[in-house]
Amino acid sequence: MKKTLQTAIIAAFVVLITASFSFAEYVASEAGNFPYFQLGCVIMGGLIITSLKHKYEKIYLSEAISSFALYTVLIALFTSPVIDAIKTLMS
């Protein structure tokens, strides 16, 4: 029961973070320039982390949540609006 509950918590966290990533990128990017590839990477990463948590009981809940949050931040750094902001800061 504990394993299923923790997997459900991870899945809910992945869905919420993915939705917030999608909304932030939709607001930050121009029309027709949505980063679909990065969104796909975030979704696949969430599925992998959720399945690893379900398969291996020794992974703590906080480790899985923090690793997905850091992964999402890393993916967000390589989107077009963030790259444009860094270029603007450098010049």
PDB file of N, CA and C in Angstrom:
ATOM      1  N   MET A   1       0.822  -1.184   0.000  1.00  0.00           N
ATOM      2  CA  MET A   1       0.000   0.000   0.000  1.00  0.00           C
ATOM      3  C   MET A   1       0.874   1.259   0.000  1.00  0.00           C
ATOM      4  N   LYS A   2       1.940   1.221   0.792  1.00  0.00           N
ATOM      5  CA  LYS A   2       2.826   2.377   0.881  1.00  0.00           C
ATOM      6  C   LYS A   2       3.502   2.637  -0.464  1.00  0.00           C
ATOM      7  N   LYS A   3       3.886   1.575  -1.148  1.00  0.00           N
ATOM      8  CA  LYS A   3       4.554   1.691  -2.445  1.00  0.00           C
ATOM      9  C   LYS A   3       3.614   2.343  -3.469  1.00  0.00           C
ATOM     10  N   THR A   4       2.364   1.935  -3.482  1.00  0.00           N
ATOM     11  CA  THR A   4       1.387   2.485  -4.416  1.00  0.00           C
ATOM     12  C   THR A   4       1.087   3.944  -4.102  1.00  0.00           C
ATOM     13  N   LEU A   5       0.989   4.280  -2.845  1.00  0.00           N
ATOM     14  CA  LEU A   5       0.722   5.658  -2.444  1.00  0.00           C
ATOM     15  C   LEU A   5       1.873   6.573  -2.844  1.00  0.00           C
ATOM     16  N   GLN A   6       3.104   6.129  -2.607  1.00  0.00           N
ATOM     17  CA  GLN A   6       4.251   6.950  -2.990  1.00  0.00           C
ATOM     18  C   GLN A   6       4.353   7.106  -4.503  1.00  0.00           C
ATOM     19  N   THR A   7       4.031   6.067  -5.242  1.00  0.00           N
ATOM     20  CA  THR A   7       4.034   6.165  -6.701  1.00  0.00           C
ATOM     21  C   THR A   7       2.966   7.140  -7.175  1.00  0.00           C
ATOM     22  N   ALA A   8       1.817   7.136  -6.533  1.00  0.00           N
ATOM     23  CA  ALA A   8       0.754   8.082  -6.889  1.00  0.00           C
ATOM     24  C   ALA A   8       1.161   9.523  -6.573  1.00  0.00           C
ATOM     25  N   ILE A   9       1.868   9.725  -5.471  1.00  0.00           N
ATOM     26  CA  ILE A   9       2.346  11.072  -5.120  1.00  0.00           C
ATOM     27  C   ILE A   9       3.354  11.550  -6.151  1.00  0.00           C
ATOM     28  N   ILE A  10       4.264  10.692  -6.555  1.00  0.00           N
ATOM     29  CA  ILE A  10       5.250  11.050  -7.584  1.00  0.00           C
ATOM     30  C   ILE A  10       4.542  11.383  -8.892  1.00  0.00           C
ATOM     31  N   ALA A  11       3.570  10.565  -9.275  1.00  0.00           N
ATOM     32  CA  ALA A  11       2.850  10.805 -10.527  1.00  0.00           C
ATOM     33  C   ALA A  11       2.104  12.133 -10.489  1.00  0.00           C
ATOM     34  N   ALA A  12       1.489  12.457  -9.360  1.00  0.00           N
ATOM     35  CA  ALA A  12       0.795  13.747  -9.232  1.00  0.00           C
ATOM     36  C   ALA A  12       1.773  14.904  -9.318  1.00  0.00           C
ATOM     37  N   PHE A  13       2.918  14.768  -8.682  1.00  0.00           N
ATOM     38  CA  PHE A  13       3.939  15.813  -8.742  1.00  0.00           C
ATOM     39  C   PHE A  13       4.444  15.995 -10.171  1.00  0.00           C
ATOM     40  N   VAL A  14       4.664  14.914 -10.875  1.00  0.00           N
ATOM     41  CA  VAL A  14       5.134  14.983 -12.264  1.00  0.00           C
ATOM     42  C   VAL A  14       4.107  15.694 -13.138  1.00  0.00           C
ATOM     43  N   VAL A  15       2.840  15.374 -12.954  1.00  0.00           N
ATOM     44  CA  VAL A  15       1.792  16.018 -13.748  1.00  0.00           C
ATOM     45  C   VAL A  15       1.724  17.514 -13.444  1.00  0.00           C
ATOM     46  N   LEU A  16       1.808  17.891 -12.176  1.00  0.00           N
ATOM     47  CA  LEU A  16       1.742  19.311 -11.814  1.00  0.00           C
ATOM     48  C   LEU A  16       2.947  20.092 -12.339  1.00  0.00           C
ATOM     49  N   ILE A  17       4.127  19.544 -12.208  1.00  0.00           N
ATOM     50  CA  ILE A  17       5.326  20.230 -12.691  1.00  0.00           C
ATOM     51  C   ILE A  17       5.325  20.320 -14.214  1.00  0.00           C
ATOM     52  N   THR A  18       4.888  19.271 -14.890  1.00  0.00           N
ATOM     53  CA  THR A  18       4.820  19.297 -16.348  1.00  0.00           C
ATOM     54  C   THR A  18       3.799  20.327 -16.820  1.00  0.00           C
ATOM     55  N   ALA A  19       2.675  20.422 -16.138  1.00  0.00           N
ATOM     56  CA  ALA A  19       1.670  21.425 -16.503  1.00  0.00           C
ATOM     57  C   ALA A  19       2.192  22.839 -16.278  1.00  0.00           C
ATOM     58  N   SER A  20       2.900  23.056 -15.179  1.00  0.00           N
ATOM     59  CA  SER A  20       3.443  24.398 -14.925  1.00  0.00           C
ATOM     60  C   SER A  20       4.553  24.735 -15.914  1.00  0.00           C
ATOM     61  N   PHE A  21       5.357  23.745 -16.313  1.00  0.00           N
ATOM     62  CA  PHE A  21       6.373  23.956 -17.343  1.00  0.00           C
ATOM     63  C   PHE A  21       5.717  24.343 -18.656  1.00  0.00           C
ATOM     64  N   SER A  22       4.666  23.641 -19.026  1.00  0.00           N
ATOM     65  CA  SER A  22       3.966  23.927 -20.277  1.00  0.00           C
ATOM     66  C   SER A  22       3.375  25.326 -20.271  1.00  0.00           C
ATOM     67  N   PHE A  23       2.749  25.704 -19.171  1.00  0.00           N
ATOM     68  CA  PHE A  23       2.141  27.028 -19.079  1.00  0.00           C
ATOM     69  C   PHE A  23       3.205  28.124 -19.138  1.00  0.00           C
ATOM     70  N   ALA A  24       4.298  27.937 -18.430  1.00  0.00           N
ATOM     71  CA  ALA A  24       5.362  28.951 -18.420  1.00  0.00           C
ATOM     72  C   ALA A  24       5.972  29.109 -19.808  1.00  0.00           C
ATOM     73  N   GLU A  25       6.185  28.019 -20.502  1.00  0.00           N
ATOM     74  CA  GLU A  25       6.748  28.106 -21.847  1.00  0.00           C
ATOM     75  C   GLU A  25       5.751  28.697 -22.836  1.00  0.00           C
ATOM     76  N   TYR A  26       4.469  28.426 -22.651  1.00  0.00           N
ATOM     77  CA  TYR A  26       3.447  29.002 -23.517  1.00  0.00           C
ATOM     78  C   TYR A  26       3.401  30.514 -23.353  1.00  0.00           C
ATOM     79  N   VAL A  27       3.510  30.977 -22.130  1.00  0.00           N
ATOM     80  CA  VAL A  27       3.470  32.414 -21.866  1.00  0.00           C
ATOM     81  C   VAL A  27       4.754  33.094 -22.338  1.00  0.00           C
ATOM     82  N   ALA A  28       5.891  32.439 -22.175  1.00  0.00           N
ATOM     83  CA  ALA A  28       7.175  33.066 -22.476  1.00  0.00           C
ATOM     84  C   ALA A  28       7.544  33.038 -23.957  1.00  0.00           C
ATOM     85  N   SER A  29       7.014  32.102 -24.711  1.00  0.00           N
ATOM     86  CA  SER A  29       7.428  31.991 -26.115  1.00  0.00           C
ATOM     87  C   SER A  29       6.452  32.717 -27.026  1.00  0.00           C
ATOM     88  N   GLU A  30       6.961  33.039 -28.223  1.00  0.00           N
ATOM     89  CA  GLU A  30       6.106  33.679 -29.214  1.00  0.00           C
ATOM     90  C   GLU A  30       5.147  32.659 -29.808  1.00  0.00           C
ATOM     91  N   ALA A  31       4.184  33.170 -30.574  1.00  0.00           N
ATOM     92  CA  ALA A  31       3.205  32.282 -31.203  1.00  0.00           C
ATOM     93  C   ALA A  31       3.894  31.371 -32.214  1.00  0.00           C
ATOM     94  N   GLY A  32       3.593  30.102 -32.162  1.00  0.00           N
ATOM     95  CA  GLY A  32       4.167  29.140 -33.090  1.00  0.00           C
ATOM     96  C   GLY A  32       5.577  28.707 -32.749  1.00  0.00           C
ATOM     97  N   ASN A  33       6.081  29.068 -31.582  1.00  0.00           N
ATOM     98  CA  ASN A  33       7.454  28.738 -31.210  1.00  0.00           C
ATOM     99  C   ASN A  33       7.489  27.953 -29.899  1.00  0.00           C
ATOM    100  N   PHE A  34       6.480  27.118 -29.676  1.00  0.00           N
ATOM    101  CA  PHE A  34       6.415  26.345 -28.435  1.00  0.00           C
ATOM    102  C   PHE A  34       7.438  25.220 -28.478  1.00  0.00           C
ATOM    103  N   PRO A  35       8.173  24.988 -27.382  1.00  0.00           N
ATOM    104  CA  PRO A  35       9.216  23.935 -27.372  1.00  0.00           C
ATOM    105  C   PRO A  35       8.626  22.540 -27.125  1.00  0.00           C
ATOM    106  N   TYR A  36       8.095  21.938 -28.171  1.00  0.00           N
ATOM    107  CA  TYR A  36       7.478  20.619 -28.044  1.00  0.00           C
ATOM    108  C   TYR A  36       8.496  19.538 -27.700  1.00  0.00           C
ATOM    109  N   PHE A  37       9.701  19.660 -28.231  1.00  0.00           N
ATOM    110  CA  PHE A  37      10.719  18.657 -27.935  1.00  0.00           C
ATOM    111  C   PHE A  37      11.068  18.654 -26.445  1.00  0.00           C
ATOM    112  N   GLN A  38      11.246  19.836 -25.864  1.00  0.00           N
ATOM    113  CA  GLN A  38      11.564  19.919 -24.439  1.00  0.00           C
ATOM    114  C   GLN A  38      10.401  19.415 -23.589  1.00  0.00           C
ATOM    115  N   LEU A  39       9.176  19.695 -24.020  1.00  0.00           N
ATOM    116  CA  LEU A  39       8.016  19.173 -23.299  1.00  0.00           C
ATOM    117  C   LEU A  39       7.999  17.648 -23.339  1.00  0.00           C
ATOM    118  N   GLY A  40       8.320  17.086 -24.490  1.00  0.00           N
ATOM    119  CA  GLY A  40       8.406  15.626 -24.593  1.00  0.00           C
ATOM    120  C   GLY A  40       9.488  15.049 -23.704  1.00  0.00           C
ATOM    121  N   CYS A  41      10.620  15.763 -23.607  1.00  0.00           N
ATOM    122  CA  CYS A  41      11.700  15.310 -22.726  1.00  0.00           C
ATOM    123  C   CYS A  41      11.274  15.331 -21.261  1.00  0.00           C
ATOM    124  N   VAL A  42      10.537  16.370 -20.866  1.00  0.00           N
ATOM    125  CA  VAL A  42      10.054  16.455 -19.482  1.00  0.00           C
ATOM    126  C   VAL A  42       9.071  15.324 -19.195  1.00  0.00           C
ATOM    127  N   ILE A  43       8.184  15.040 -20.130  1.00  0.00           N
ATOM    128  CA  ILE A  43       7.210  13.963 -19.940  1.00  0.00           C
ATOM    129  C   ILE A  43       7.909  12.609 -19.837  1.00  0.00           C
ATOM    130  N   MET A  44       8.857  12.352 -20.737  1.00  0.00           N
ATOM    131  CA  MET A  44       9.581  11.073 -20.691  1.00  0.00           C
ATOM    132  C   MET A  44      10.407  10.939 -19.409  1.00  0.00           C
ATOM    133  N   GLY A  45      11.039  12.022 -18.981  1.00  0.00           N
ATOM    134  CA  GLY A  45      11.792  11.989 -17.726  1.00  0.00           C
ATOM    135  C   GLY A  45      10.900  11.693 -16.539  1.00  0.00           C
ATOM    136  N   GLY A  46       9.714  12.284 -16.527  1.00  0.00           N
ATOM    137  CA  GLY A  46       8.764  12.014 -15.449  1.00  0.00           C
ATOM    138  C   GLY A  46       8.304  10.573 -15.427  1.00  0.00           C
ATOM    139  N   LEU A  47       8.063  10.018 -16.611  1.00  0.00           N
ATOM    140  CA  LEU A  47       7.664   8.611 -16.676  1.00  0.00           C
ATOM    141  C   LEU A  47       8.779   7.695 -16.193  1.00  0.00           C
ATOM    142  N   ILE A  48      10.004   8.012 -16.565  1.00  0.00           N
ATOM    143  CA  ILE A  48      11.141   7.173 -16.151  1.00  0.00           C
ATOM    144  C   ILE A  48      11.348   7.235 -14.650  1.00  0.00           C
ATOM    145  N   ILE A  49      11.310   8.435 -14.077  1.00  0.00           N
ATOM    146  CA  ILE A  49      11.516   8.571 -12.626  1.00  0.00           C
ATOM    147  C   ILE A  49      10.385   7.897 -11.864  1.00  0.00           C
ATOM    148  N   THR A  50       9.147   8.030 -12.360  1.00  0.00           N
ATOM    149  CA  THR A  50       8.015   7.371 -11.700  1.00  0.00           C
ATOM    150  C   THR A  50       8.157   5.852 -11.755  1.00  0.00           C
ATOM    151  N   SER A  51       8.571   5.316 -12.896  1.00  0.00           N
ATOM    152  CA  SER A  51       8.722   3.862 -12.989  1.00  0.00           C
ATOM    153  C   SER A  51       9.889   3.359 -12.144  1.00  0.00           C
ATOM    154  N   LEU A  52      10.968   4.138 -12.062  1.00  0.00           N
ATOM    155  CA  LEU A  52      12.085   3.740 -11.193  1.00  0.00           C
ATOM    156  C   LEU A  52      11.665   3.724  -9.730  1.00  0.00           C
ATOM    157  N   LYS A  53      10.877   4.720  -9.328  1.00  0.00           N
ATOM    158  CA  LYS A  53      10.400   4.760  -7.933  1.00  0.00           C
ATOM    159  C   LYS A  53       9.494   3.566  -7.652  1.00  0.00           C
ATOM    160  N   HIS A  54       8.680   3.191  -8.621  1.00  0.00           N
ATOM    161  CA  HIS A  54       7.785   2.060  -8.417  1.00  0.00           C
ATOM    162  C   HIS A  54       8.553   0.736  -8.370  1.00  0.00           C
ATOM    163  N   LYS A  55       9.608   0.624  -9.171  1.00  0.00           N
ATOM    164  CA  LYS A  55      10.357  -0.633  -9.235  1.00  0.00           C
ATOM    165  C   LYS A  55      11.288  -0.816  -8.043  1.00  0.00           C
ATOM    166  N   TYR A  56      11.988   0.245  -7.641  1.00  0.00           N
ATOM    167  CA  TYR A  56      12.974   0.159  -6.562  1.00  0.00           C
ATOM    168  C   TYR A  56      12.449   0.855  -5.312  1.00  0.00           C
ATOM    169  N   GLU A  57      12.230   0.077  -4.271  1.00  0.00           N
ATOM    170  CA  GLU A  57      11.654   0.612  -3.040  1.00  0.00           C
ATOM    171  C   GLU A  57      12.641   1.443  -2.227  1.00  0.00           C
ATOM    172  N   LYS A  58      13.933   1.283  -2.490  1.00  0.00           N
ATOM    173  CA  LYS A  58      14.935   1.988  -1.696  1.00  0.00           C
ATOM    174  C   LYS A  58      15.093   3.454  -2.080  1.00  0.00           C
ATOM    175  N   ILE A  59      14.492   3.872  -3.182  1.00  0.00           N
ATOM    176  CA  ILE A  59      14.539   5.281  -3.565  1.00  0.00           C
ATOM    177  C   ILE A  59      13.539   6.040  -2.685  1.00  0.00           C
ATOM    178  N   TYR A  60      14.019   7.052  -1.996  1.00  0.00           N
ATOM    179  CA  TYR A  60      13.139   7.851  -1.142  1.00  0.00           C
ATOM    180  C   TYR A  60      12.239   8.728  -1.986  1.00  0.00           C
ATOM    181  N   LEU A  61      11.102   9.080  -1.423  1.00  0.00           N
ATOM    182  CA  LEU A  61      10.144   9.944  -2.106  1.00  0.00           C
ATOM    183  C   LEU A  61      10.751  11.317  -2.382  1.00  0.00           C
ATOM    184  N   SER A  62      11.462  11.850  -1.421  1.00  0.00           N
ATOM    185  CA  SER A  62      12.063  13.176  -1.596  1.00  0.00           C
ATOM    186  C   SER A  62      13.151  13.168  -2.663  1.00  0.00           C
ATOM    187  N   GLU A  63      13.881  12.074  -2.787  1.00  0.00           N
ATOM    188  CA  GLU A  63      14.902  11.964  -3.830  1.00  0.00           C
ATOM    189  C   GLU A  63      14.279  11.986  -5.218  1.00  0.00           C
ATOM    190  N   ALA A  64      13.200  11.245  -5.393  1.00  0.00           N
ATOM    191  CA  ALA A  64      12.537  11.193  -6.697  1.00  0.00           C
ATOM    192  C   ALA A  64      11.938  12.548  -7.058  1.00  0.00           C
ATOM    193  N   ILE A  65      11.315  13.207  -6.093  1.00  0.00           N
ATOM    194  CA  ILE A  65      10.713  14.516  -6.352  1.00  0.00           C
ATOM    195  C   ILE A  65      11.780  15.552  -6.670  1.00  0.00           C
ATOM    196  N   SER A  66      12.845  15.574  -5.887  1.00  0.00           N
ATOM    197  CA  SER A  66      13.888  16.577  -6.124  1.00  0.00           C
ATOM    198  C   SER A  66      14.642  16.306  -7.424  1.00  0.00           C
ATOM    199  N   SER A  67      14.848  15.054  -7.777  1.00  0.00           N
ATOM    200  CA  SER A  67      15.541  14.766  -9.034  1.00  0.00           C
ATOM    201  C   SER A  67      14.685  15.188 -10.225  1.00  0.00           C
ATOM    202  N   PHE A  68      13.374  15.001 -10.158  1.00  0.00           N
ATOM    203  CA  PHE A  68      12.531  15.448 -11.265  1.00  0.00           C
ATOM    204  C   PHE A  68      12.467  16.969 -11.327  1.00  0.00           C
ATOM    205  N   ALA A  69      12.432  17.629 -10.189  1.00  0.00           N
ATOM    206  CA  ALA A  69      12.414  19.094 -10.192  1.00  0.00           C
ATOM    207  C   ALA A  69      13.702  19.647 -10.795  1.00  0.00           C
ATOM    208  N   LEU A  70      14.839  19.084 -10.423  1.00  0.00           N
ATOM    209  CA  LEU A  70      16.109  19.536 -10.995  1.00  0.00           C
ATOM    210  C   LEU A  70      16.194  19.220 -12.486  1.00  0.00           C
ATOM    211  N   TYR A  71      15.680  18.084 -12.894  1.00  0.00           N
ATOM    212  CA  TYR A  71      15.652  17.725 -14.312  1.00  0.00           C
ATOM    213  C   TYR A  71      14.805  18.711 -15.106  1.00  0.00           C
ATOM    214  N   THR A  72      13.669  19.115 -14.559  1.00  0.00           N
ATOM    215  CA  THR A  72      12.808  20.075 -15.240  1.00  0.00           C
ATOM    216  C   THR A  72      13.486  21.429 -15.362  1.00  0.00           C
ATOM    217  N   VAL A  73      14.189  21.855 -14.337  1.00  0.00           N
ATOM    218  CA  VAL A  73      14.925  23.126 -14.405  1.00  0.00           C
ATOM    219  C   VAL A  73      16.013  23.034 -15.463  1.00  0.00           C
ATOM    220  N   LEU A  74      16.707  21.916 -15.531  1.00  0.00           N
ATOM    221  CA  LEU A  74      17.750  21.738 -16.542  1.00  0.00           C
ATOM    222  C   LEU A  74      17.168  21.798 -17.951  1.00  0.00           C
ATOM    223  N   ILE A  75      16.058  21.162 -18.184  1.00  0.00           N
ATOM    224  CA  ILE A  75      15.409  21.201 -19.491  1.00  0.00           C
ATOM    225  C   ILE A  75      14.941  22.621 -19.797  1.00  0.00           C
ATOM    226  N   ALA A  76      14.412  23.320 -18.807  1.00  0.00           N
ATOM    227  CA  ALA A  76      13.919  24.684 -19.026  1.00  0.00           C
ATOM    228  C   ALA A  76      15.048  25.638 -19.395  1.00  0.00           C
ATOM    229  N   LEU A  77      16.253  25.378 -18.927  1.00  0.00           N
ATOM    230  CA  LEU A  77      17.383  26.243 -19.262  1.00  0.00           C
ATOM    231  C   LEU A  77      17.715  26.214 -20.746  1.00  0.00           C
ATOM    232  N   PHE A  78      17.367  25.144 -21.441  1.00  0.00           N
ATOM    233  CA  PHE A  78      17.708  25.013 -22.846  1.00  0.00           C
ATOM    234  C   PHE A  78      16.540  25.292 -23.780  1.00  0.00           C
ATOM    235  N   THR A  79      15.583  26.073 -23.315  1.00  0.00           N
ATOM    236  CA  THR A  79      14.499  26.496 -24.200  1.00  0.00           C
ATOM    237  C   THR A  79      14.832  27.844 -24.807  1.00  0.00           C
ATOM    238  N   SER A  80      14.165  28.161 -25.855  1.00  0.00           N
ATOM    239  CA  SER A  80      14.448  29.364 -26.625  1.00  0.00           C
ATOM    240  C   SER A  80      14.288  30.669 -25.826  1.00  0.00           C
ATOM    241  N   PRO A  81      13.234  30.865 -25.025  1.00  0.00           N
ATOM    242  CA  PRO A  81      13.128  32.124 -24.273  1.00  0.00           C
ATOM    243  C   PRO A  81      14.266  32.335 -23.266  1.00  0.00           C
ATOM    244  N   VAL A  82      14.718  31.267 -22.645  1.00  0.00           N
ATOM    245  CA  VAL A  82      15.812  31.394 -21.668  1.00  0.00           C
ATOM    246  C   VAL A  82      17.121  31.686 -22.385  1.00  0.00           C
ATOM    247  N   ILE A  83      17.355  31.035 -23.507  1.00  0.00           N
ATOM    248  CA  ILE A  83      18.573  31.286 -24.288  1.00  0.00           C
ATOM    249  C   ILE A  83      18.585  32.738 -24.770  1.00  0.00           C
ATOM    250  N   ASP A  84      17.438  33.232 -25.233  1.00  0.00           N
ATOM    251  CA  ASP A  84      17.357  34.632 -25.680  1.00  0.00           C
ATOM    252  C   ASP A  84      17.612  35.607 -24.533  1.00  0.00           C
ATOM    253  N   ALA A  85      17.114  35.294 -23.350  1.00  0.00           N
ATOM    254  CA  ALA A  85      17.344  36.156 -22.183  1.00  0.00           C
ATOM    255  C   ALA A  85      18.818  36.168 -21.802  1.00  0.00           C
ATOM    256  N   ILE A  86      19.481  35.025 -21.885  1.00  0.00           N
ATOM    257  CA  ILE A  86      20.922  34.953 -21.563  1.00  0.00           C
ATOM    258  C   ILE A  86      21.733  35.731 -22.611  1.00  0.00           C
ATOM    259  N   LYS A  87      21.336  35.620 -23.883  1.00  0.00           N
ATOM    260  CA  LYS A  87      22.022  36.390 -24.935  1.00  0.00           C
ATOM    261  C   LYS A  87      21.866  37.890 -24.698  1.00  0.00           C
ATOM    262  N   THR A  88      20.687  38.308 -24.275  1.00  0.00           N
ATOM    263  CA  THR A  88      20.448  39.720 -23.996  1.00  0.00           C
ATOM    264  C   THR A  88      21.280  40.196 -22.820  1.00  0.00           C
ATOM    265  N   LEU A  89      21.420  39.360 -21.808  1.00  0.00           N
ATOM    266  CA  LEU A  89      22.231  39.728 -20.639  1.00  0.00           C
ATOM    267  C   LEU A  89      23.713  39.844 -20.993  1.00  0.00           C
ATOM    268  N   MET A  90      24.180  38.966 -21.865  1.00  0.00           N
ATOM    269  CA  MET A  90      25.590  38.968 -22.223  1.00  0.00           C
ATOM    270  C   MET A  90      25.979  40.128 -23.127  1.00  0.00           C
ATOM    271  N   SER A  91      25.055  40.598 -23.949  1.00  0.00           N
ATOM    272  CA  SER A  91      25.419  41.684 -24.869  1.00  0.00           C
ATOM    273  C   SER A  91      25.036  43.050 -24.355  1.00  0.00           C
TER     274      SER A  91
END
